[in-house]
């Protein structure tokens, strides 16, 4: 399908950690999340996926 986004697969543990940090931040606790890795391993995709859920 043209223009559709690829399905995000995996990284459930990492997404859960980001969502937990976002929830704590929403509750007033300062949070810091560091995402690191080699080029091309999916750091940007991970954060894009997390942002979709955090925007809600």
C-alpha atoms as a PDB file:
ATOM      1  CA  UNK A   1       0.000   0.000   0.000  1.00  0.00           C
ATOM      2  CA  UNK A   2       1.555   3.274  -1.064  1.00  0.00           C
ATOM      3  CA  UNK A   3       2.184   5.808   1.700  1.00  0.00           C
ATOM      4  CA  UNK A   4       1.542   3.417   4.557  1.00  0.00           C
ATOM      5  CA  UNK A   5       3.964   3.182   7.438  1.00  0.00           C
ATOM      6  CA  UNK A   6       5.759  -0.107   8.114  1.00  0.00           C
ATOM      7  CA  UNK A   7       4.563  -2.104  11.108  1.00  0.00           C
ATOM      8  CA  UNK A   8       6.713  -1.622  14.200  1.00  0.00           C
ATOM      9  CA  UNK A   9       7.813  -4.996  15.580  1.00  0.00           C
ATOM     10  CA  UNK A  10       9.707  -5.796  18.745  1.00  0.00           C
ATOM     11  CA  UNK A  11      11.269  -3.594  21.400  1.00  0.00           C
ATOM     12  CA  UNK A  12       8.344  -4.161  23.778  1.00  0.00           C
ATOM     13  CA  UNK A  13      10.632  -3.936  26.823  1.00  0.00           C
ATOM     14  CA  UNK A  14      12.192  -0.678  25.664  1.00  0.00           C
ATOM     15  CA  UNK A  15       8.779   0.809  24.809  1.00  0.00           C
ATOM     16  CA  UNK A  16       7.490  -0.161  28.254  1.00  0.00           C
ATOM     17  CA  UNK A  17      10.419   1.611  29.899  1.00  0.00           C
ATOM     18  CA  UNK A  18       9.820   4.773  27.864  1.00  0.00           C
ATOM     19  CA  UNK A  19       6.081   4.668  28.615  1.00  0.00           C
ATOM     20  CA  UNK A  20       6.783   4.227  32.337  1.00  0.00           C
ATOM     21  CA  UNK A  21       9.123   7.204  32.299  1.00  0.00           C
ATOM     22  CA  UNK A  22       6.533   9.283  30.438  1.00  0.00           C
ATOM     23  CA  UNK A  23       3.873   8.318  32.958  1.00  0.00           C
ATOM     24  CA  UNK A  24       6.105   9.328  35.851  1.00  0.00           C
ATOM     25  CA  UNK A  25       6.921  12.608  34.114  1.00  0.00           C
ATOM     26  CA  UNK A  26       3.216  13.292  33.619  1.00  0.00           C
ATOM     27  CA  UNK A  27       2.829  12.754  37.358  1.00  0.00           C
ATOM     28  CA  UNK A  28       5.422  15.416  38.124  1.00  0.00           C
ATOM     29  CA  UNK A  29       8.559  13.290  38.570  1.00  0.00           C
ATOM     30  CA  UNK A  30      11.573  14.381  36.543  1.00  0.00           C
ATOM     31  CA  UNK A  31      12.698  11.680  34.114  1.00  0.00           C
ATOM     32  CA  UNK A  32      15.643  11.103  31.787  1.00  0.00           C
ATOM     33  CA  UNK A  33      15.660   8.546  28.992  1.00  0.00           C
ATOM     34  CA  UNK A  34      18.798   7.783  26.991  1.00  0.00           C
ATOM     35  CA  UNK A  35      18.495   5.864  23.744  1.00  0.00           C
ATOM     36  CA  UNK A  36      21.804   4.783  22.303  1.00  0.00           C
ATOM     37  CA  UNK A  37      23.026   2.263  19.782  1.00  0.00           C
ATOM     38  CA  UNK A  38      24.872   1.735  16.555  1.00  0.00           C
ATOM     39  CA  UNK A  39      23.692   3.468  13.387  1.00  0.00           C
ATOM     40  CA  UNK A  40      20.750   1.732  11.776  1.00  0.00           C
ATOM     41  CA  UNK A  41      19.528  -0.303  14.778  1.00  0.00           C
ATOM     42  CA  UNK A  42      16.216   1.557  15.027  1.00  0.00           C
ATOM     43  CA  UNK A  43      16.665   4.312  17.612  1.00  0.00           C
ATOM     44  CA  UNK A  44      14.578   6.808  15.654  1.00  0.00           C
ATOM     45  CA  UNK A  45      11.892   4.218  14.912  1.00  0.00           C
ATOM     46  CA  UNK A  46      11.717   3.321  18.597  1.00  0.00           C
ATOM     47  CA  UNK A  47      11.264   6.948  19.605  1.00  0.00           C
ATOM     48  CA  UNK A  48       8.740   7.577  16.826  1.00  0.00           C
ATOM     49  CA  UNK A  49       6.683   4.634  18.091  1.00  0.00           C
ATOM     50  CA  UNK A  50       6.948   5.795  21.698  1.00  0.00           C
ATOM     51  CA  UNK A  51       5.833   9.292  20.744  1.00  0.00           C
ATOM     52  CA  UNK A  52       2.681   7.922  19.107  1.00  0.00           C
ATOM     53  CA  UNK A  53       1.620   6.466  22.453  1.00  0.00           C
ATOM     54  CA  UNK A  54       2.873   9.322  24.633  1.00  0.00           C
ATOM     55  CA  UNK A  55       0.901  11.895  22.639  1.00  0.00           C
ATOM     56  CA  UNK A  56      -2.299  10.235  23.841  1.00  0.00           C
END
